[in-house]
Amino acid sequence: MRTMTRILPRARRFGLVAAASVVALGIGVPPAFADEPTPVPVSPDETVLLDEGDEYVPEDTLPVHGDAEYCPPGYVYGVYRNTANDMRVFDRWFVANSTGRTISATFRADTGGSFTHTTSIGLEGEISSVFAKVKASVNASVAKTMTASTGVSVTSSVKPHSTLKGDYGIWRENVKMKRNYMYSNCHYGATQYFSYSAPYRKGWRLYY
């Protein structure tokens, strides 16, 4: 007696439990040879070849893959490279100390301004998706918009025979982004790269 059970290709079995076993008694059937596997009918419209020790997995229990997959179409955004941050300067002063001793200097902002996150390409309503990506994976302090008010001051010492400079404004997080369009069949289109900037801090920057 030869026991035969349907086997699916190894890549399609997915660890499912065998749903049925088919036993061929061979009564009234001509002997089968190793190179001529016996066809065992499973349903009126399906014929499979079975080998001993393998499992039969009904076709309708298999997960759907490949061209039958569906993905909501739309752009998918990702961070390509984090680039150097900079400052949007609204006011700038300096204090020159020509003496041989340390002096004190106060910088006061007479000019202020605002900065709103922006991209190098038109994203219309999708810029919020880019903002969320950068906030989650690059800098949690970024904001969609930020204002640097006037009247903000800072005091610092100035070394002898030196010039202390002061810039007042908003620091910007600069990121190189990428996006791909995902079609409904889960395939991606060509990659498009663009720049994104968002404010994350405001105040004075002092330096020599």
C-alpha atoms as a PDB file:
ATOM      1  CA  MET A   1       0.000   0.000   0.000  1.00  0.00           C
ATOM      2  CA  ARG A   2       1.335   3.447  -0.961  1.00  0.00           C
ATOM      3  CA  THR A   3       0.225   6.502   1.002  1.00  0.00           C
ATOM      4  CA  MET A   4       0.197   9.720  -0.993  1.00  0.00           C
ATOM      5  CA  THR A   5      -0.683  13.209   0.082  1.00  0.00           C
ATOM      6  CA  ARG A   6      -0.705  16.485  -1.808  1.00  0.00           C
ATOM      7  CA  ILE A   7       2.329  18.737  -1.433  1.00  0.00           C
ATOM      8  CA  LEU A   8       2.475  22.349  -2.366  1.00  0.00           C
ATOM      9  CA  PRO A   9       5.853  23.861  -3.260  1.00  0.00           C
ATOM     10  CA  ARG A  10       7.804  24.490  -0.035  1.00  0.00           C
ATOM     11  CA  ALA A  11       7.593  28.278  -0.474  1.00  0.00           C
ATOM     12  CA  ARG A  12       3.760  28.054  -0.450  1.00  0.00           C
ATOM     13  CA  ARG A  13       3.082  25.822   2.548  1.00  0.00           C
ATOM     14  CA  PHE A  14       3.358  28.629   5.155  1.00  0.00           C
ATOM     15  CA  GLY A  15       3.356  26.161   8.035  1.00  0.00           C
ATOM     16  CA  LEU A  16      -0.355  25.291   7.669  1.00  0.00           C
ATOM     17  CA  VAL A  17      -1.688  22.100   9.261  1.00  0.00           C
ATOM     18  CA  ALA A  18      -2.652  19.382   6.822  1.00  0.00           C
ATOM     19  CA  ALA A  19      -6.315  19.595   5.946  1.00  0.00           C
ATOM     20  CA  ALA A  20      -6.808  16.104   4.537  1.00  0.00           C
ATOM     21  CA  SER A  21      -5.031  12.889   3.615  1.00  0.00           C
ATOM     22  CA  VAL A  22      -5.818  10.739   0.610  1.00  0.00           C
ATOM     23  CA  VAL A  23      -5.005   7.022   0.630  1.00  0.00           C
ATOM     24  CA  ALA A  24      -4.774   5.140  -2.636  1.00  0.00           C
ATOM     25  CA  LEU A  25      -5.268   1.400  -2.168  1.00  0.00           C
ATOM     26  CA  GLY A  26      -4.159   0.525  -5.671  1.00  0.00           C
ATOM     27  CA  ILE A  27      -6.996  -1.996  -6.136  1.00  0.00           C
ATOM     28  CA  GLY A  28      -7.624  -2.599  -9.839  1.00  0.00           C
ATOM     29  CA  VAL A  29      -5.041   0.057 -10.717  1.00  0.00           C
ATOM     30  CA  PRO A  30      -1.988  -0.808 -12.848  1.00  0.00           C
ATOM     31  CA  PRO A  31       1.301  -0.643 -10.934  1.00  0.00           C
ATOM     32  CA  ALA A  32       2.935   2.782 -10.851  1.00  0.00           C
ATOM     33  CA  PHE A  33       6.614   3.404 -11.479  1.00  0.00           C
ATOM     34  CA  ALA A  34       8.964   5.868  -9.793  1.00  0.00           C
ATOM     35  CA  ASP A  35       9.025   8.100 -12.823  1.00  0.00           C
ATOM     36  CA  GLU A  36       5.280   7.924 -13.366  1.00  0.00           C
ATOM     37  CA  PRO A  37       3.499   9.256 -10.221  1.00  0.00           C
ATOM     38  CA  THR A  38      -0.118   8.166  -9.914  1.00  0.00           C
ATOM     39  CA  PRO A  39      -2.650  10.980 -10.339  1.00  0.00           C
ATOM     40  CA  VAL A  40      -5.176  11.047  -7.504  1.00  0.00           C
ATOM     41  CA  PRO A  41      -8.382  12.995  -8.202  1.00  0.00           C
ATOM     42  CA  VAL A  42      -9.283  15.359  -5.359  1.00  0.00           C
ATOM     43  CA  SER A  43     -12.200  17.164  -6.923  1.00  0.00           C
ATOM     44  CA  PRO A  44     -13.910  16.994 -10.316  1.00  0.00           C
ATOM     45  CA  ASP A  45     -11.859  19.941 -11.592  1.00  0.00           C
ATOM     46  CA  GLU A  46      -8.551  19.341  -9.795  1.00  0.00           C
ATOM     47  CA  THR A  47      -5.908  16.633 -10.113  1.00  0.00           C
ATOM     48  CA  VAL A  48      -2.810  16.597  -7.939  1.00  0.00           C
ATOM     49  CA  LEU A  49       0.274  14.402  -7.584  1.00  0.00           C
ATOM     50  CA  LEU A  50       0.920  13.144  -4.075  1.00  0.00           C
ATOM     51  CA  ASP A  51       4.017  11.784  -2.367  1.00  0.00           C
ATOM     52  CA  GLU A  52       4.175   9.834   0.872  1.00  0.00           C
ATOM     53  CA  GLY A  53       4.726  11.936   4.011  1.00  0.00           C
ATOM     54  CA  ASP A  54       3.638  15.260   2.512  1.00  0.00           C
ATOM     55  CA  GLU A  55       0.656  17.404   3.390  1.00  0.00           C
ATOM     56  CA  TYR A  56      -2.419  18.412   1.494  1.00  0.00           C
ATOM     57  CA  VAL A  57      -3.344  22.065   1.871  1.00  0.00           C
ATOM     58  CA  PRO A  58      -6.637  23.213   0.306  1.00  0.00           C
ATOM     59  CA  GLU A  59      -6.061  25.996  -2.221  1.00  0.00           C
ATOM     60  CA  ASP A  60      -8.631  28.305  -0.657  1.00  0.00           C
ATOM     61  CA  THR A  61      -6.746  28.359   2.675  1.00  0.00           C
ATOM     62  CA  LEU A  62      -3.560  29.874   1.225  1.00  0.00           C
ATOM     63  CA  PRO A  63      -2.778  33.576   1.819  1.00  0.00           C
ATOM     64  CA  VAL A  64      -3.032  35.820  -1.221  1.00  0.00           C
ATOM     65  CA  HIS A  65       0.247  37.323  -2.491  1.00  0.00           C
ATOM     66  CA  GLY A  66       1.837  38.822  -5.567  1.00  0.00           C
ATOM     67  CA  ASP A  67      -0.392  40.562  -8.056  1.00  0.00           C
ATOM     68  CA  ALA A  68      -3.449  39.902  -5.893  1.00  0.00           C
ATOM     69  CA  GLU A  69      -2.138  42.179  -3.111  1.00  0.00           C
ATOM     70  CA  TYR A  70      -3.699  45.596  -2.594  1.00  0.00           C
ATOM     71  CA  CYS A  71      -2.099  48.678  -1.074  1.00  0.00           C
ATOM     72  CA  PRO A  72      -3.722  52.099  -0.658  1.00  0.00           C
ATOM     73  CA  PRO A  73      -2.121  54.168  -3.442  1.00  0.00           C
ATOM     74  CA  GLY A  74      -0.215  57.308  -2.509  1.00  0.00           C
ATOM     75  CA  TYR A  75       3.207  58.748  -1.715  1.00  0.00           C
ATOM     76  CA  VAL A  76       5.445  57.148   0.925  1.00  0.00           C
ATOM     77  CA  TYR A  77       7.995  59.485   2.567  1.00  0.00           C
ATOM     78  CA  GLY A  78      11.336  58.721   4.193  1.00  0.00           C
ATOM     79  CA  VAL A  79      14.436  60.467   5.524  1.00  0.00           C
ATOM     80  CA  TYR A  80      17.313  60.176   3.064  1.00  0.00           C
ATOM     81  CA  ARG A  81      20.000  62.174   4.904  1.00  0.00           C
ATOM     82  CA  ASN A  82      20.119  64.596   7.838  1.00  0.00           C
ATOM     83  CA  THR A  83      22.020  67.695   6.689  1.00  0.00           C
ATOM     84  CA  ALA A  84      23.613  70.606   8.563  1.00  0.00           C
ATOM     85  CA  ASN A  85      21.249  72.878  10.457  1.00  0.00           C
ATOM     86  CA  ASP A  86      21.361  76.648  10.130  1.00  0.00           C
ATOM     87  CA  MET A  87      19.770  79.823  11.463  1.00  0.00           C
ATOM     88  CA  ARG A  88      17.297  82.223   9.912  1.00  0.00           C
ATOM     89  CA  VAL A  89      18.805  85.488  11.151  1.00  0.00           C
ATOM     90  CA  PHE A  90      16.548  88.497  11.815  1.00  0.00           C
ATOM     91  CA  ASP A  91      18.942  90.748  13.756  1.00  0.00           C
ATOM     92  CA  ARG A  92      22.738  90.918  14.060  1.00  0.00           C
ATOM     93  CA  TRP A  93      25.054  92.907  16.349  1.00  0.00           C
ATOM     94  CA  PHE A  94      28.674  92.916  17.480  1.00  0.00           C
ATOM     95  CA  VAL A  95      30.706  94.395  20.337  1.00  0.00           C
ATOM     96  CA  ALA A  96      34.406  95.188  19.866  1.00  0.00           C
ATOM     97  CA  ASN A  97      36.555  95.223  23.011  1.00  0.00           C
ATOM     98  CA  SER A  98      39.794  97.102  22.345  1.00  0.00           C
ATOM     99  CA  THR A  99      40.838  97.211  25.987  1.00  0.00           C
ATOM    100  CA  GLY A 100      43.145  94.906  27.836  1.00  0.00           C
ATOM    101  CA  ARG A 101      40.442  93.738  30.232  1.00  0.00           C
ATOM    102  CA  THR A 102      37.190  91.783  30.020  1.00  0.00           C
ATOM    103  CA  ILE A 103      34.042  93.844  29.591  1.00  0.00           C
ATOM    104  CA  SER A 104      30.296  93.085  29.680  1.00  0.00           C
ATOM    105  CA  ALA A 105      28.013  93.529  26.663  1.00  0.00           C
ATOM    106  CA  THR A 106      24.251  93.250  26.179  1.00  0.00           C
ATOM    107  CA  PHE A 107      22.639  92.348  22.869  1.00  0.00           C
ATOM    108  CA  ARG A 108      18.992  93.283  22.267  1.00  0.00           C
ATOM    109  CA  ALA A 109      16.816  92.218  19.334  1.00  0.00           C
ATOM    110  CA  ASP A 110      15.189  95.131  17.559  1.00  0.00           C
ATOM    111  CA  THR A 111      13.997  92.984  14.667  1.00  0.00           C
ATOM    112  CA  GLY A 112      12.110  89.688  14.801  1.00  0.00           C
ATOM    113  CA  GLY A 113      10.296  87.409  12.433  1.00  0.00           C
ATOM    114  CA  SER A 114       8.702  84.021  11.796  1.00  0.00           C
ATOM    115  CA  PHE A 115       9.617  80.875   9.930  1.00  0.00           C
ATOM    116  CA  THR A 116       7.247  78.157   8.688  1.00  0.00           C
ATOM    117  CA  HIS A 117       8.361  74.697   7.641  1.00  0.00           C
ATOM    118  CA  THR A 118       8.921  74.415   3.922  1.00  0.00           C
ATOM    119  CA  THR A 119      10.020  72.049   1.138  1.00  0.00           C
ATOM    120  CA  SER A 120      11.892  72.494  -2.116  1.00  0.00           C
ATOM    121  CA  ILE A 121       8.987  70.994  -4.095  1.00  0.00           C
ATOM    122  CA  GLY A 122       5.254  71.572  -3.980  1.00  0.00           C
ATOM    123  CA  LEU A 123       3.607  69.000  -1.713  1.00  0.00           C
ATOM    124  CA  GLU A 124       0.252  70.701  -1.263  1.00  0.00           C
ATOM    125  CA  GLY A 125      -1.507  69.006   1.668  1.00  0.00           C
ATOM    126  CA  GLU A 126       1.127  66.295   2.114  1.00  0.00           C
ATOM    127  CA  ILE A 127       3.712  68.452   3.880  1.00  0.00           C
ATOM    128  CA  SER A 128       2.157  67.357   7.195  1.00  0.00           C
ATOM    129  CA  SER A 129       3.252  63.780   6.442  1.00  0.00           C
ATOM    130  CA  VAL A 130       6.829  64.970   5.984  1.00  0.00           C
ATOM    131  CA  PHE A 131       6.658  66.983   9.208  1.00  0.00           C
ATOM    132  CA  ALA A 132       5.444  63.943  11.162  1.00  0.00           C
ATOM    133  CA  LYS A 133       8.258  61.802   9.716  1.00  0.00           C
ATOM    134  CA  VAL A 134      10.977  64.314  10.658  1.00  0.00           C
ATOM    135  CA  LYS A 135       9.529  64.921  14.120  1.00  0.00           C
ATOM    136  CA  ALA A 136       9.426  61.171  14.838  1.00  0.00           C
ATOM    137  CA  SER A 137      12.803  60.167  13.433  1.00  0.00           C
ATOM    138  CA  VAL A 138      15.077  63.244  13.365  1.00  0.00           C
ATOM    139  CA  ASN A 139      14.174  65.997  15.865  1.00  0.00           C
ATOM    140  CA  ALA A 140      11.223  65.871  18.263  1.00  0.00           C
ATOM    141  CA  SER A 141      11.491  69.656  18.840  1.00  0.00           C
ATOM    142  CA  VAL A 142      10.580  70.743  15.312  1.00  0.00           C
ATOM    143  CA  ALA A 143       7.472  72.883  14.857  1.00  0.00           C
ATOM    144  CA  LYS A 144       5.405  73.788  11.838  1.00  0.00           C
ATOM    145  CA  THR A 145       5.876  77.481  12.547  1.00  0.00           C
ATOM    146  CA  MET A 146       7.815  79.594  15.067  1.00  0.00           C
ATOM    147  CA  THR A 147       8.127  83.329  15.837  1.00  0.00           C
ATOM    148  CA  ALA A 148      11.139  85.211  17.233  1.00  0.00           C
ATOM    149  CA  SER A 149       9.852  88.336  18.994  1.00  0.00           C
ATOM    150  CA  THR A 150      11.624  91.669  19.374  1.00  0.00           C
ATOM    151  CA  GLY A 151      13.005  92.951  22.670  1.00  0.00           C
ATOM    152  CA  VAL A 152      14.776  89.709  23.607  1.00  0.00           C
ATOM    153  CA  SER A 153      18.212  90.433  25.109  1.00  0.00           C
ATOM    154  CA  VAL A 154      21.250  88.501  26.281  1.00  0.00           C
ATOM    155  CA  THR A 155      24.302  89.620  28.272  1.00  0.00           C
ATOM    156  CA  SER A 156      27.791  88.173  27.963  1.00  0.00           C
ATOM    157  CA  SER A 157      31.401  88.971  28.774  1.00  0.00           C
ATOM    158  CA  VAL A 158      33.765  90.029  25.974  1.00  0.00           C
ATOM    159  CA  LYS A 159      37.419  88.992  26.070  1.00  0.00           C
ATOM    160  CA  PRO A 160      40.182  91.648  25.819  1.00  0.00           C
ATOM    161  CA  HIS A 161      41.156  92.726  22.310  1.00  0.00           C
ATOM    162  CA  SER A 162      38.375  90.720  20.669  1.00  0.00           C
ATOM    163  CA  THR A 163      35.021  91.167  18.962  1.00  0.00           C
ATOM    164  CA  LEU A 164      31.948  89.283  20.124  1.00  0.00           C
ATOM    165  CA  LYS A 165      29.249  88.816  17.487  1.00  0.00           C
ATOM    166  CA  GLY A 166      25.587  88.070  18.061  1.00  0.00           C
ATOM    167  CA  ASP A 167      22.904  86.688  15.698  1.00  0.00           C
ATOM    168  CA  TYR A 168      19.240  86.618  16.666  1.00  0.00           C
ATOM    169  CA  GLY A 169      16.763  84.349  14.909  1.00  0.00           C
ATOM    170  CA  ILE A 170      15.366  80.830  14.515  1.00  0.00           C
ATOM    171  CA  TRP A 171      17.324  77.584  14.148  1.00  0.00           C
ATOM    172  CA  ARG A 172      16.164  75.328  11.327  1.00  0.00           C
ATOM    173  CA  GLU A 173      16.346  71.543  11.054  1.00  0.00           C
ATOM    174  CA  ASN A 174      17.375  70.730   7.473  1.00  0.00           C
ATOM    175  CA  VAL A 175      16.723  67.258   6.108  1.00  0.00           C
ATOM    176  CA  LYS A 176      17.119  65.636   2.709  1.00  0.00           C
ATOM    177  CA  MET A 177      13.933  63.648   2.098  1.00  0.00           C
ATOM    178  CA  LYS A 178      12.810  61.053  -0.440  1.00  0.00           C
ATOM    179  CA  ARG A 179       9.436  59.889  -1.647  1.00  0.00           C
ATOM    180  CA  ASN A 180       8.057  57.086  -3.799  1.00  0.00           C
ATOM    181  CA  TYR A 181       4.583  56.618  -5.181  1.00  0.00           C
ATOM    182  CA  MET A 182       3.086  53.290  -4.129  1.00  0.00           C
ATOM    183  CA  TYR A 183       0.573  51.851  -6.571  1.00  0.00           C
ATOM    184  CA  SER A 184      -2.426  49.719  -5.626  1.00  0.00           C
ATOM    185  CA  ASN A 185      -0.465  46.563  -6.526  1.00  0.00           C
ATOM    186  CA  CYS A 186       2.104  47.495  -3.827  1.00  0.00           C
ATOM    187  CA  HIS A 187       4.825  48.353  -6.370  1.00  0.00           C
ATOM    188  CA  TYR A 188       6.832  51.569  -6.000  1.00  0.00           C
ATOM    189  CA  GLY A 189       7.563  54.236  -8.572  1.00  0.00           C
ATOM    190  CA  ALA A 190      10.831  56.124  -9.050  1.00  0.00           C
ATOM    191  CA  THR A 191      12.453  57.857  -6.066  1.00  0.00           C
ATOM    192  CA  GLN A 192      12.212  61.634  -5.852  1.00  0.00           C
ATOM    193  CA  TYR A 193      14.525  63.624  -3.552  1.00  0.00           C
ATOM    194  CA  PHE A 194      13.783  67.028  -2.017  1.00  0.00           C
ATOM    195  CA  SER A 195      14.817  69.312   0.857  1.00  0.00           C
ATOM    196  CA  TYR A 196      12.791  70.057   3.972  1.00  0.00           C
ATOM    197  CA  SER A 197      13.350  72.711   6.675  1.00  0.00           C
ATOM    198  CA  ALA A 198      11.482  73.193   9.953  1.00  0.00           C
ATOM    199  CA  PRO A 199      12.049  75.565  12.921  1.00  0.00           C
ATOM    200  CA  TYR A 200      13.045  74.043  16.263  1.00  0.00           C
ATOM    201  CA  ARG A 201      14.614  76.805  18.439  1.00  0.00           C
ATOM    202  CA  LYS A 202      14.843  80.606  18.658  1.00  0.00           C
ATOM    203  CA  GLY A 203      17.144  83.056  20.422  1.00  0.00           C
ATOM    204  CA  TRP A 204      20.632  84.550  20.333  1.00  0.00           C
ATOM    205  CA  ARG A 205      23.784  82.892  19.051  1.00  0.00           C
ATOM    206  CA  LEU A 206      27.017  84.509  20.351  1.00  0.00           C
ATOM    207  CA  TYR A 207      30.401  83.774  18.821  1.00  0.00           C
ATOM    208  CA  TYR A 208      33.845  85.279  18.240  1.00  0.00           C
END
